[in-house]
Amino acid sequence: MLRYTLMRLGVFAGCLVVVWGLVYSGVVPRGFGDSNVMWIVLLALVVSAPISFVVLRKERDRASETVVRRVDRMKANLEASRSQEDAAVDTAQGQATPGQAQAS
């Protein structure tokens, strides 16, 4: 997951340098007033998103598989804890004396 994030940041940084060069060379128009930096960052985000989507497809799939494995493992652990708790409650109810009220 960290690798994918760093790769996305790398693609964004590359796009940021290219967009900055295009804006300051006059190929792409500058922003209005003090918004030039914001314009460059937003334009770099818009350009880097589809590039990342296409170029980092395999890495994104690997990262999603890792997330799915973690979620499945957490679900299994939660189910194991739940079944242990149910067994403990059943044991406690079985040991209750006949005069005590049992919880359902």
PDB file of N, CA and C in Angstrom:
ATOM      1  N   MET A   1       0.823  -1.188   0.000  1.00  0.00           N
ATOM      2  CA  MET A   1       0.000   0.000   0.000  1.00  0.00           C
ATOM      3  C   MET A   1       0.874   1.262   0.000  1.00  0.00           C
ATOM      4  N   LEU A   2       1.917   1.231   0.805  1.00  0.00           N
ATOM      5  CA  LEU A   2       2.824   2.374   0.853  1.00  0.00           C
ATOM      6  C   LEU A   2       3.508   2.573  -0.502  1.00  0.00           C
ATOM      7  N   ARG A   3       3.866   1.460  -1.130  1.00  0.00           N
ATOM      8  CA  ARG A   3       4.516   1.542  -2.434  1.00  0.00           C
ATOM      9  C   ARG A   3       3.605   2.217  -3.455  1.00  0.00           C
ATOM     10  N   TYR A   4       2.332   1.837  -3.465  1.00  0.00           N
ATOM     11  CA  TYR A   4       1.373   2.437  -4.399  1.00  0.00           C
ATOM     12  C   TYR A   4       1.233   3.936  -4.130  1.00  0.00           C
ATOM     13  N   THR A   5       1.138   4.299  -2.855  1.00  0.00           N
ATOM     14  CA  THR A   5       1.002   5.714  -2.492  1.00  0.00           C
ATOM     15  C   THR A   5       2.219   6.512  -2.942  1.00  0.00           C
ATOM     16  N   LEU A   6       3.406   5.957  -2.719  1.00  0.00           N
ATOM     17  CA  LEU A   6       4.618   6.655  -3.149  1.00  0.00           C
ATOM     18  C   LEU A   6       4.695   6.768  -4.669  1.00  0.00           C
ATOM     19  N   MET A   7       4.236   5.735  -5.365  1.00  0.00           N
ATOM     20  CA  MET A   7       4.225   5.800  -6.827  1.00  0.00           C
ATOM     21  C   MET A   7       3.251   6.868  -7.321  1.00  0.00           C
ATOM     22  N   ARG A   8       2.095   6.968  -6.661  1.00  0.00           N
ATOM     23  CA  ARG A   8       1.132   8.017  -7.046  1.00  0.00           C
ATOM     24  C   ARG A   8       1.716   9.402  -6.804  1.00  0.00           C
ATOM     25  N   LEU A   9       2.387   9.557  -5.664  1.00  0.00           N
ATOM     26  CA  LEU A   9       3.023  10.849  -5.386  1.00  0.00           C
ATOM     27  C   LEU A   9       4.107  11.159  -6.419  1.00  0.00           C
ATOM     28  N   GLY A  10       4.825  10.136  -6.852  1.00  0.00           N
ATOM     29  CA  GLY A  10       5.834  10.333  -7.889  1.00  0.00           C
ATOM     30  C   GLY A  10       5.227  10.787  -9.207  1.00  0.00           C
ATOM     31  N   VAL A  11       4.125  10.163  -9.600  1.00  0.00           N
ATOM     32  CA  VAL A  11       3.441  10.566 -10.831  1.00  0.00           C
ATOM     33  C   VAL A  11       2.945  12.002 -10.700  1.00  0.00           C
ATOM     34  N   PHE A  12       2.378  12.335  -9.528  1.00  0.00           N
ATOM     35  CA  PHE A  12       1.901  13.707  -9.309  1.00  0.00           C
ATOM     36  C   PHE A  12       3.061  14.695  -9.372  1.00  0.00           C
ATOM     37  N   ALA A  13       4.184  14.364  -8.735  1.00  0.00           N
ATOM     38  CA  ALA A  13       5.338  15.274  -8.742  1.00  0.00           C
ATOM     39  C   ALA A  13       5.846  15.488 -10.165  1.00  0.00           C
ATOM     40  N   GLY A  14       5.899  14.419 -10.948  1.00  0.00           N
ATOM     41  CA  GLY A  14       6.309  14.565 -12.343  1.00  0.00           C
ATOM     42  C   GLY A  14       5.366  15.462 -13.125  1.00  0.00           C
ATOM     43  N   CYS A  15       4.083  15.271 -12.919  1.00  0.00           N
ATOM     44  CA  CYS A  15       3.086  16.112 -13.605  1.00  0.00           C
ATOM     45  C   CYS A  15       3.184  17.561 -13.132  1.00  0.00           C
ATOM     46  N   LEU A  16       3.460  17.741 -11.858  1.00  0.00           N
ATOM     47  CA  LEU A  16       3.587  19.094 -11.310  1.00  0.00           C
ATOM     48  C   LEU A  16       4.752  19.828 -11.973  1.00  0.00           C
ATOM     49  N   VAL A  17       5.872  19.150 -12.154  1.00  0.00           N
ATOM     50  CA  VAL A  17       7.030  19.769 -12.799  1.00  0.00           C
ATOM     51  C   VAL A  17       6.713  20.098 -14.264  1.00  0.00           C
ATOM     52  N   VAL A  18       6.070  19.175 -14.948  1.00  0.00           N
ATOM     53  CA  VAL A  18       5.731  19.407 -16.358  1.00  0.00           C
ATOM     54  C   VAL A  18       4.735  20.564 -16.488  1.00  0.00           C
ATOM     55  N   VAL A  19       3.694  20.574 -15.670  1.00  0.00           N
ATOM     56  CA  VAL A  19       2.692  21.652 -15.739  1.00  0.00           C
ATOM     57  C   VAL A  19       3.329  22.981 -15.382  1.00  0.00           C
ATOM     58  N   TRP A  20       4.174  22.989 -14.360  1.00  0.00           N
ATOM     59  CA  TRP A  20       4.848  24.230 -13.975  1.00  0.00           C
ATOM     60  C   TRP A  20       5.667  24.762 -15.155  1.00  0.00           C
ATOM     61  N   GLY A  21       6.386  23.855 -15.831  1.00  0.00           N
ATOM     62  CA  GLY A  21       7.174  24.275 -16.985  1.00  0.00           C
ATOM     63  C   GLY A  21       6.309  24.812 -18.112  1.00  0.00           C
ATOM     64  N   LEU A  22       5.173  24.161 -18.351  1.00  0.00           N
ATOM     65  CA  LEU A  22       4.269  24.623 -19.412  1.00  0.00           C
ATOM     66  C   LEU A  22       3.643  25.977 -19.079  1.00  0.00           C
ATOM     67  N   VAL A  23       3.291  26.191 -17.819  1.00  0.00           N
ATOM     68  CA  VAL A  23       2.680  27.467 -17.427  1.00  0.00           C
ATOM     69  C   VAL A  23       3.705  28.592 -17.543  1.00  0.00           C
ATOM     70  N   TYR A  24       4.890  28.371 -17.061  1.00  0.00           N
ATOM     71  CA  TYR A  24       5.883  29.443 -17.086  1.00  0.00           C
ATOM     72  C   TYR A  24       6.516  29.648 -18.456  1.00  0.00           C
ATOM     73  N   SER A  25       6.368  28.697 -19.356  1.00  0.00           N
ATOM     74  CA  SER A  25       6.842  28.922 -20.726  1.00  0.00           C
ATOM     75  C   SER A  25       5.756  29.570 -21.584  1.00  0.00           C
ATOM     76  N   GLY A  26       4.527  29.647 -21.051  1.00  0.00           N
ATOM     77  CA  GLY A  26       3.455  30.328 -21.761  1.00  0.00           C
ATOM     78  C   GLY A  26       2.587  29.409 -22.603  1.00  0.00           C
ATOM     79  N   VAL A  27       2.842  28.118 -22.606  1.00  0.00           N
ATOM     80  CA  VAL A  27       2.042  27.175 -23.391  1.00  0.00           C
ATOM     81  C   VAL A  27       0.654  27.027 -22.777  1.00  0.00           C
ATOM     82  N   VAL A  28       0.601  26.983 -21.455  1.00  0.00           N
ATOM     83  CA  VAL A  28      -0.672  26.882 -20.727  1.00  0.00           C
ATOM     84  C   VAL A  28      -0.889  28.224 -20.036  1.00  0.00           C
ATOM     85  N   PRO A  29      -2.116  28.769 -20.066  1.00  0.00           N
ATOM     86  CA  PRO A  29      -2.347  30.084 -19.446  1.00  0.00           C
ATOM     87  C   PRO A  29      -2.119  30.077 -17.935  1.00  0.00           C
ATOM     88  N   ARG A  30      -1.687  31.225 -17.427  1.00  0.00           N
ATOM     89  CA  ARG A  30      -1.483  31.388 -15.984  1.00  0.00           C
ATOM     90  C   ARG A  30      -2.827  31.610 -15.297  1.00  0.00           C
ATOM     91  N   GLY A  31      -2.840  31.388 -13.970  1.00  0.00           N
ATOM     92  CA  GLY A  31      -4.040  31.656 -13.188  1.00  0.00           C
ATOM     93  C   GLY A  31      -4.240  33.149 -13.007  1.00  0.00           C
ATOM     94  N   PHE A  32      -5.362  33.535 -12.440  1.00  0.00           N
ATOM     95  CA  PHE A  32      -5.659  34.941 -12.206  1.00  0.00           C
ATOM     96  C   PHE A  32      -5.021  35.407 -10.909  1.00  0.00           C
ATOM     97  N   GLY A  33      -4.309  36.517 -10.934  1.00  0.00           N
ATOM     98  CA  GLY A  33      -3.751  37.128  -9.733  1.00  0.00           C
ATOM     99  C   GLY A  33      -2.849  36.183  -8.959  1.00  0.00           C
ATOM    100  N   ASP A  34      -3.187  35.977  -7.675  1.00  0.00           N
ATOM    101  CA  ASP A  34      -2.373  35.131  -6.800  1.00  0.00           C
ATOM    102  C   ASP A  34      -2.725  33.657  -6.894  1.00  0.00           C
ATOM    103  N   SER A  35      -3.615  33.280  -7.785  1.00  0.00           N
ATOM    104  CA  SER A  35      -4.064  31.890  -7.861  1.00  0.00           C
ATOM    105  C   SER A  35      -3.170  31.016  -8.734  1.00  0.00           C
ATOM    106  N   ASN A  36      -2.030  31.509  -9.157  1.00  0.00           N
ATOM    107  CA  ASN A  36      -1.194  30.764 -10.082  1.00  0.00           C
ATOM    108  C   ASN A  36      -0.716  29.432  -9.499  1.00  0.00           C
ATOM    109  N   VAL A  37      -0.295  29.426  -8.230  1.00  0.00           N
ATOM    110  CA  VAL A  37       0.178  28.184  -7.609  1.00  0.00           C
ATOM    111  C   VAL A  37      -0.977  27.191  -7.510  1.00  0.00           C
ATOM    112  N   MET A  38      -2.139  27.683  -7.102  1.00  0.00           N
ATOM    113  CA  MET A  38      -3.313  26.808  -6.990  1.00  0.00           C
ATOM    114  C   MET A  38      -3.680  26.244  -8.368  1.00  0.00           C
ATOM    115  N   TRP A  39      -3.598  27.051  -9.381  1.00  0.00           N
ATOM    116  CA  TRP A  39      -3.899  26.613 -10.749  1.00  0.00           C
ATOM    117  C   TRP A  39      -2.950  25.501 -11.179  1.00  0.00           C
ATOM    118  N   ILE A  40      -1.666  25.667 -10.893  1.00  0.00           N
ATOM    119  CA  ILE A  40      -0.668  24.670 -11.285  1.00  0.00           C
ATOM    120  C   ILE A  40      -0.924  23.351 -10.553  1.00  0.00           C
ATOM    121  N   VAL A  41      -1.201  23.403  -9.247  1.00  0.00           N
ATOM    122  CA  VAL A  41      -1.446  22.194  -8.456  1.00  0.00           C
ATOM    123  C   VAL A  41      -2.710  21.489  -8.941  1.00  0.00           C
ATOM    124  N   LEU A  42      -3.785  22.230  -9.158  1.00  0.00           N
ATOM    125  CA  LEU A  42      -5.033  21.614  -9.620  1.00  0.00           C
ATOM    126  C   LEU A  42      -4.874  21.006 -11.014  1.00  0.00           C
ATOM    127  N   LEU A  43      -4.189  21.693 -11.877  1.00  0.00           N
ATOM    128  CA  LEU A  43      -3.962  21.164 -13.222  1.00  0.00           C
ATOM    129  C   LEU A  43      -3.104  19.893 -13.171  1.00  0.00           C
ATOM    130  N   ALA A  44      -2.107  19.881 -12.299  1.00  0.00           N
ATOM    131  CA  ALA A  44      -1.272  18.690 -12.136  1.00  0.00           C
ATOM    132  C   ALA A  44      -2.090  17.527 -11.577  1.00  0.00           C
ATOM    133  N   LEU A  45      -3.010  17.797 -10.650  1.00  0.00           N
ATOM    134  CA  LEU A  45      -3.884  16.749 -10.121  1.00  0.00           C
ATOM    135  C   LEU A  45      -4.772  16.165 -11.221  1.00  0.00           C
ATOM    136  N   VAL A  46      -5.329  17.034 -12.028  1.00  0.00           N
ATOM    137  CA  VAL A  46      -6.223  16.584 -13.103  1.00  0.00           C
ATOM    138  C   VAL A  46      -5.457  15.764 -14.140  1.00  0.00           C
ATOM    139  N   VAL A  47      -4.238  16.135 -14.425  1.00  0.00           N
ATOM    140  CA  VAL A  47      -3.437  15.407 -15.409  1.00  0.00           C
ATOM    141  C   VAL A  47      -2.924  14.086 -14.830  1.00  0.00           C
ATOM    142  N   SER A  48      -2.521  14.094 -13.538  1.00  0.00           N
ATOM    143  CA  SER A  48      -1.913  12.895 -12.958  1.00  0.00           C
ATOM    144  C   SER A  48      -2.930  11.794 -12.644  1.00  0.00           C
ATOM    145  N   ALA A  49      -4.186  12.140 -12.426  1.00  0.00           N
ATOM    146  CA  ALA A  49      -5.192  11.127 -12.078  1.00  0.00           C
ATOM    147  C   ALA A  49      -5.363  10.066 -13.174  1.00  0.00           C
ATOM    148  N   PRO A  50      -5.634  10.435 -14.412  1.00  0.00           N
ATOM    149  CA  PRO A  50      -5.781   9.373 -15.438  1.00  0.00           C
ATOM    150  C   PRO A  50      -4.461   8.662 -15.738  1.00  0.00           C
ATOM    151  N   ILE A  51      -3.343   9.367 -15.632  1.00  0.00           N
ATOM    152  CA  ILE A  51      -2.054   8.715 -15.857  1.00  0.00           C
ATOM    153  C   ILE A  51      -1.833   7.637 -14.791  1.00  0.00           C
ATOM    154  N   SER A  52      -2.101   7.971 -13.529  1.00  0.00           N
ATOM    155  CA  SER A  52      -1.960   6.998 -12.437  1.00  0.00           C
ATOM    156  C   SER A  52      -2.913   5.829 -12.625  1.00  0.00           C
ATOM    157  N   PHE A  53      -4.113   6.127 -13.074  1.00  0.00           N
ATOM    158  CA  PHE A  53      -5.110   5.069 -13.267  1.00  0.00           C
ATOM    159  C   PHE A  53      -4.632   4.038 -14.275  1.00  0.00           C
ATOM    160  N   VAL A  54      -4.005   4.487 -15.337  1.00  0.00           N
ATOM    161  CA  VAL A  54      -3.553   3.574 -16.388  1.00  0.00           C
ATOM    162  C   VAL A  54      -2.201   2.947 -16.047  1.00  0.00           C
ATOM    163  N   VAL A  55      -1.250   3.762 -15.651  1.00  0.00           N
ATOM    164  CA  VAL A  55       0.118   3.295 -15.456  1.00  0.00           C
ATOM    165  C   VAL A  55       0.258   2.416 -14.209  1.00  0.00           C
ATOM    166  N   LEU A  56      -0.473   2.721 -13.149  1.00  0.00           N
ATOM    167  CA  LEU A  56      -0.318   2.009 -11.875  1.00  0.00           C
ATOM    168  C   LEU A  56      -1.384   0.941 -11.653  1.00  0.00           C
ATOM    169  N   ARG A  57      -1.974   0.451 -12.713  1.00  0.00           N
ATOM    170  CA  ARG A  57      -3.055  -0.542 -12.586  1.00  0.00           C
ATOM    171  C   ARG A  57      -2.611  -1.803 -11.850  1.00  0.00           C
ATOM    172  N   LYS A  58      -1.470  -2.368 -12.208  1.00  0.00           N
ATOM    173  CA  LYS A  58      -1.000  -3.596 -11.557  1.00  0.00           C
ATOM    174  C   LYS A  58      -0.701  -3.365 -10.084  1.00  0.00           C
ATOM    175  N   GLU A  59      -0.072  -2.249  -9.777  1.00  0.00           N
ATOM    176  CA  GLU A  59       0.245  -1.945  -8.377  1.00  0.00           C
ATOM    177  C   GLU A  59      -1.031  -1.704  -7.570  1.00  0.00           C
ATOM    178  N   ARG A  60      -2.021  -1.060  -8.183  1.00  0.00           N
ATOM    179  CA  ARG A  60      -3.298  -0.831  -7.502  1.00  0.00           C
ATOM    180  C   ARG A  60      -3.997  -2.158  -7.224  1.00  0.00           C
ATOM    181  N   ASP A  61      -3.936  -3.087  -8.173  1.00  0.00           N
ATOM    182  CA  ASP A  61      -4.525  -4.412  -7.957  1.00  0.00           C
ATOM    183  C   ASP A  61      -3.835  -5.150  -6.819  1.00  0.00           C
ATOM    184  N   ARG A  62      -2.506  -5.056  -6.757  1.00  0.00           N
ATOM    185  CA  ARG A  62      -1.776  -5.688  -5.645  1.00  0.00           C
ATOM    186  C   ARG A  62      -2.178  -5.078  -4.305  1.00  0.00           C
ATOM    187  N   ALA A  63      -2.298  -3.764  -4.271  1.00  0.00           N
ATOM    188  CA  ALA A  63      -2.681  -3.087  -3.031  1.00  0.00           C
ATOM    189  C   ALA A  63      -4.096  -3.481  -2.616  1.00  0.00           C
ATOM    190  N   SER A  64      -5.004  -3.600  -3.576  1.00  0.00           N
ATOM    191  CA  SER A  64      -6.380  -3.979  -3.233  1.00  0.00           C
ATOM    192  C   SER A  64      -6.445  -5.422  -2.747  1.00  0.00           C
ATOM    193  N   GLU A  65      -5.611  -6.305  -3.308  1.00  0.00           N
ATOM    194  CA  GLU A  65      -5.562  -7.685  -2.814  1.00  0.00           C
ATOM    195  C   GLU A  65      -5.075  -7.732  -1.371  1.00  0.00           C
ATOM    196  N   THR A  66      -4.118  -6.896  -1.047  1.00  0.00           N
ATOM    197  CA  THR A  66      -3.629  -6.819   0.331  1.00  0.00           C
ATOM    198  C   THR A  66      -4.734  -6.361   1.273  1.00  0.00           C
ATOM    199  N   VAL A  67      -5.498  -5.356   0.846  1.00  0.00           N
ATOM    200  CA  VAL A  67      -6.599  -4.860   1.670  1.00  0.00           C
ATOM    201  C   VAL A  67      -7.657  -5.941   1.853  1.00  0.00           C
ATOM    202  N   VAL A  68      -7.979  -6.673   0.793  1.00  0.00           N
ATOM    203  CA  VAL A  68      -8.981  -7.735   0.882  1.00  0.00           C
ATOM    204  C   VAL A  68      -8.520  -8.826   1.847  1.00  0.00           C
ATOM    205  N   ARG A  69      -7.231  -9.198   1.778  1.00  0.00           N
ATOM    206  CA  ARG A  69      -6.714 -10.209   2.714  1.00  0.00           C
ATOM    207  C   ARG A  69      -6.820  -9.732   4.156  1.00  0.00           C
ATOM    208  N   ARG A  70      -6.488  -8.466   4.401  1.00  0.00           N
ATOM    209  CA  ARG A  70      -6.585  -7.923   5.765  1.00  0.00           C
ATOM    210  C   ARG A  70      -8.021  -7.932   6.263  1.00  0.00           C
ATOM    211  N   VAL A  71      -8.945  -7.542   5.412  1.00  0.00           N
ATOM    212  CA  VAL A  71     -10.354  -7.518   5.801  1.00  0.00           C
ATOM    213  C   VAL A  71     -10.845  -8.941   6.084  1.00  0.00           C
ATOM    214  N   ASP A  72     -10.485  -9.892   5.237  1.00  0.00           N
ATOM    215  CA  ASP A  72     -10.890 -11.281   5.463  1.00  0.00           C
ATOM    216  C   ASP A  72     -10.315 -11.821   6.768  1.00  0.00           C
ATOM    217  N   ARG A  73      -9.057 -11.476   7.041  1.00  0.00           N
ATOM    218  CA  ARG A  73      -8.441 -11.929   8.290  1.00  0.00           C
ATOM    219  C   ARG A  73      -9.140 -11.314   9.503  1.00  0.00           C
ATOM    220  N   MET A  74      -9.482 -10.037   9.413  1.00  0.00           N
ATOM    221  CA  MET A  74     -10.183  -9.388  10.538  1.00  0.00           C
ATOM    222  C   MET A  74     -11.575  -9.987  10.724  1.00  0.00           C
ATOM    223  N   LYS A  75     -12.257 -10.305   9.631  1.00  0.00           N
ATOM    224  CA  LYS A  75     -13.573 -10.940   9.738  1.00  0.00           C
ATOM    225  C   LYS A  75     -13.459 -12.307  10.399  1.00  0.00           C
ATOM    226  N   ALA A  76     -12.438 -13.075  10.022  1.00  0.00           N
ATOM    227  CA  ALA A  76     -12.231 -14.401  10.625  1.00  0.00           C
ATOM    228  C   ALA A  76     -11.926 -14.276  12.114  1.00  0.00           C
ATOM    229  N   ASN A  77     -11.093 -13.306  12.475  1.00  0.00           N
ATOM    230  CA  ASN A  77     -10.787 -13.089  13.895  1.00  0.00           C
ATOM    231  C   ASN A  77     -12.023 -12.663  14.667  1.00  0.00           C
ATOM    232  N   LEU A  78     -12.829 -11.811  14.071  1.00  0.00           N
ATOM    233  CA  LEU A  78     -14.063 -11.369  14.725  1.00  0.00           C
ATOM    234  C   LEU A  78     -15.024 -12.536  14.908  1.00  0.00           C
ATOM    235  N   GLU A  79     -15.140 -13.386  13.900  1.00  0.00           N
ATOM    236  CA  GLU A  79     -16.018 -14.557  14.004  1.00  0.00           C
ATOM    237  C   GLU A  79     -15.503 -15.530  15.060  1.00  0.00           C
ATOM    238  N   ALA A  80     -14.194 -15.713  15.137  1.00  0.00           N
ATOM    239  CA  ALA A  80     -13.617 -16.595  16.159  1.00  0.00           C
ATOM    240  C   ALA A  80     -13.880 -16.039  17.552  1.00  0.00           C
ATOM    241  N   SER A  81     -13.733 -14.741  17.711  1.00  0.00           N
ATOM    242  CA  SER A  81     -14.003 -14.117  19.012  1.00  0.00           C
ATOM    243  C   SER A  81     -15.479 -14.255  19.367  1.00  0.00           C
ATOM    244  N   ARG A  82     -16.334 -14.075  18.373  1.00  0.00           N
ATOM    245  CA  ARG A  82     -17.772 -14.174  18.603  1.00  0.00           C
ATOM    246  C   ARG A  82     -18.151 -15.595  19.033  1.00  0.00           C
ATOM    247  N   SER A  83     -17.577 -16.600  18.383  1.00  0.00           N
ATOM    248  CA  SER A  83     -17.908 -17.983  18.739  1.00  0.00           C
ATOM    249  C   SER A  83     -17.350 -18.337  20.112  1.00  0.00           C
ATOM    250  N   GLN A  84     -16.178 -17.807  20.474  1.00  0.00           N
ATOM    251  CA  GLN A  84     -15.638 -18.028  21.815  1.00  0.00           C
ATOM    252  C   GLN A  84     -16.539 -17.387  22.866  1.00  0.00           C
ATOM    253  N   GLU A  85     -17.018 -16.198  22.567  1.00  0.00           N
ATOM    254  CA  GLU A  85     -17.914 -15.508  23.500  1.00  0.00           C
ATOM    255  C   GLU A  85     -19.218 -16.281  23.652  1.00  0.00           C
ATOM    256  N   ASP A  86     -19.760 -16.775  22.540  1.00  0.00           N
ATOM    257  CA  ASP A  86     -20.995 -17.561  22.611  1.00  0.00           C
ATOM    258  C   ASP A  86     -20.794 -18.823  23.449  1.00  0.00           C
ATOM    259  N   ALA A  87     -19.655 -19.481  23.274  1.00  0.00           N
ATOM    260  CA  ALA A  87     -19.373 -20.689  24.041  1.00  0.00           C
ATOM    261  C   ALA A  87     -19.245 -20.364  25.525  1.00  0.00           C
ATOM    262  N   ALA A  88     -18.621 -19.233  25.845  1.00  0.00           N
ATOM    263  CA  ALA A  88     -18.469 -18.835  27.245  1.00  0.00           C
ATOM    264  C   ALA A  88     -19.829 -18.521  27.870  1.00  0.00           C
ATOM    265  N   VAL A  89     -20.697 -17.864  27.114  1.00  0.00           N
ATOM    266  CA  VAL A  89     -22.040 -17.542  27.621  1.00  0.00           C
ATOM    267  C   VAL A  89     -22.833 -18.831  27.826  1.00  0.00           C
ATOM    268  N   ASP A  90     -22.752 -19.752  26.872  1.00  0.00           N
ATOM    269  CA  ASP A  90     -23.468 -21.034  27.002  1.00  0.00           C
ATOM    270  C   ASP A  90     -22.970 -21.807  28.217  1.00  0.00           C
ATOM    271  N   THR A  91     -21.671 -21.806  28.436  1.00  0.00           N
ATOM    272  CA  THR A  91     -21.101 -22.498  29.593  1.00  0.00           C
ATOM    273  C   THR A  91     -21.561 -21.842  30.882  1.00  0.00           C
ATOM    274  N   ALA A  92     -21.571 -20.524  30.915  1.00  0.00           N
ATOM    275  CA  ALA A  92     -21.997 -19.807  32.115  1.00  0.00           C
ATOM    276  C   ALA A  92     -23.476 -20.058  32.392  1.00  0.00           C
ATOM    277  N   GLN A  93     -24.288 -20.121  31.356  1.00  0.00           N
ATOM    278  CA  GLN A  93     -25.722 -20.368  31.552  1.00  0.00           C
ATOM    279  C   GLN A  93     -25.953 -21.811  32.022  1.00  0.00           C
ATOM    280  N   GLY A  94     -25.140 -22.744  31.574  1.00  0.00           N
ATOM    281  CA  GLY A  94     -25.269 -24.133  31.977  1.00  0.00           C
ATOM    282  C   GLY A  94     -24.866 -24.338  33.435  1.00  0.00           C
ATOM    283  N   GLN A  95     -23.991 -23.474  33.931  1.00  0.00           N
ATOM    284  CA  GLN A  95     -23.524 -23.595  35.306  1.00  0.00           C
ATOM    285  C   GLN A  95     -24.404 -22.830  36.284  1.00  0.00           C
ATOM    286  N   ALA A  96     -25.361 -22.074  35.800  1.00  0.00           N
ATOM    287  CA  ALA A  96     -26.238 -21.297  36.684  1.00  0.00           C
ATOM    288  C   ALA A  96     -27.091 -22.257  37.510  1.00  0.00           C
ATOM    289  N   THR A  97     -27.351 -21.880  38.733  1.00  0.00           N
ATOM    290  CA  THR A  97     -28.182 -22.715  39.598  1.00  0.00           C
ATOM    291  C   THR A  97     -29.621 -22.610  39.159  1.00  0.00           C
ATOM    292  N   PRO A  98     -30.434 -23.638  39.421  1.00  0.00           N
ATOM    293  CA  PRO A  98     -31.825 -23.634  38.950  1.00  0.00           C
ATOM    294  C   PRO A  98     -32.639 -22.462  39.496  1.00  0.00           C
ATOM    295  N   GLY A  99     -32.296 -21.897  40.635  1.00  0.00           N
ATOM    296  CA  GLY A  99     -33.072 -20.800  41.206  1.00  0.00           C
ATOM    297  C   GLY A  99     -32.772 -19.455  40.573  1.00  0.00           C
ATOM    298  N   GLN A 100     -31.689 -19.347  39.801  1.00  0.00           N
ATOM    299  CA  GLN A 100     -31.313 -18.075  39.191  1.00  0.00           C
ATOM    300  C   GLN A 100     -31.984 -17.942  37.820  1.00  0.00           C
ATOM    301  N   ALA A 101     -32.315 -16.724  37.475  1.00  0.00           N
ATOM    302  CA  ALA A 101     -32.908 -16.466  36.161  1.00  0.00           C
ATOM    303  C   ALA A 101     -31.795 -16.476  35.119  1.00  0.00           C
ATOM    304  N   GLN A 102     -32.059 -17.116  34.011  1.00  0.00           N
ATOM    305  CA  GLN A 102     -31.065 -17.198  32.941  1.00  0.00           C
ATOM    306  C   GLN A 102     -31.373 -16.154  31.885  1.00  0.00           C
ATOM    307  N   ALA A 103     -30.304 -15.496  31.397  1.00  0.00           N
ATOM    308  CA  ALA A 103     -30.478 -14.506  30.339  1.00  0.00           C
ATOM    309  C   ALA A 103     -30.664 -15.221  29.014  1.00  0.00           C
ATOM    310  N   SER A 104     -31.475 -14.676  28.156  1.00  0.00           N
ATOM    311  CA  SER A 104     -31.692 -15.324  26.863  1.00  0.00           C
ATOM    312  C   SER A 104     -30.852 -14.731  25.794  1.00  0.00           C
TER     313      SER A 104
END
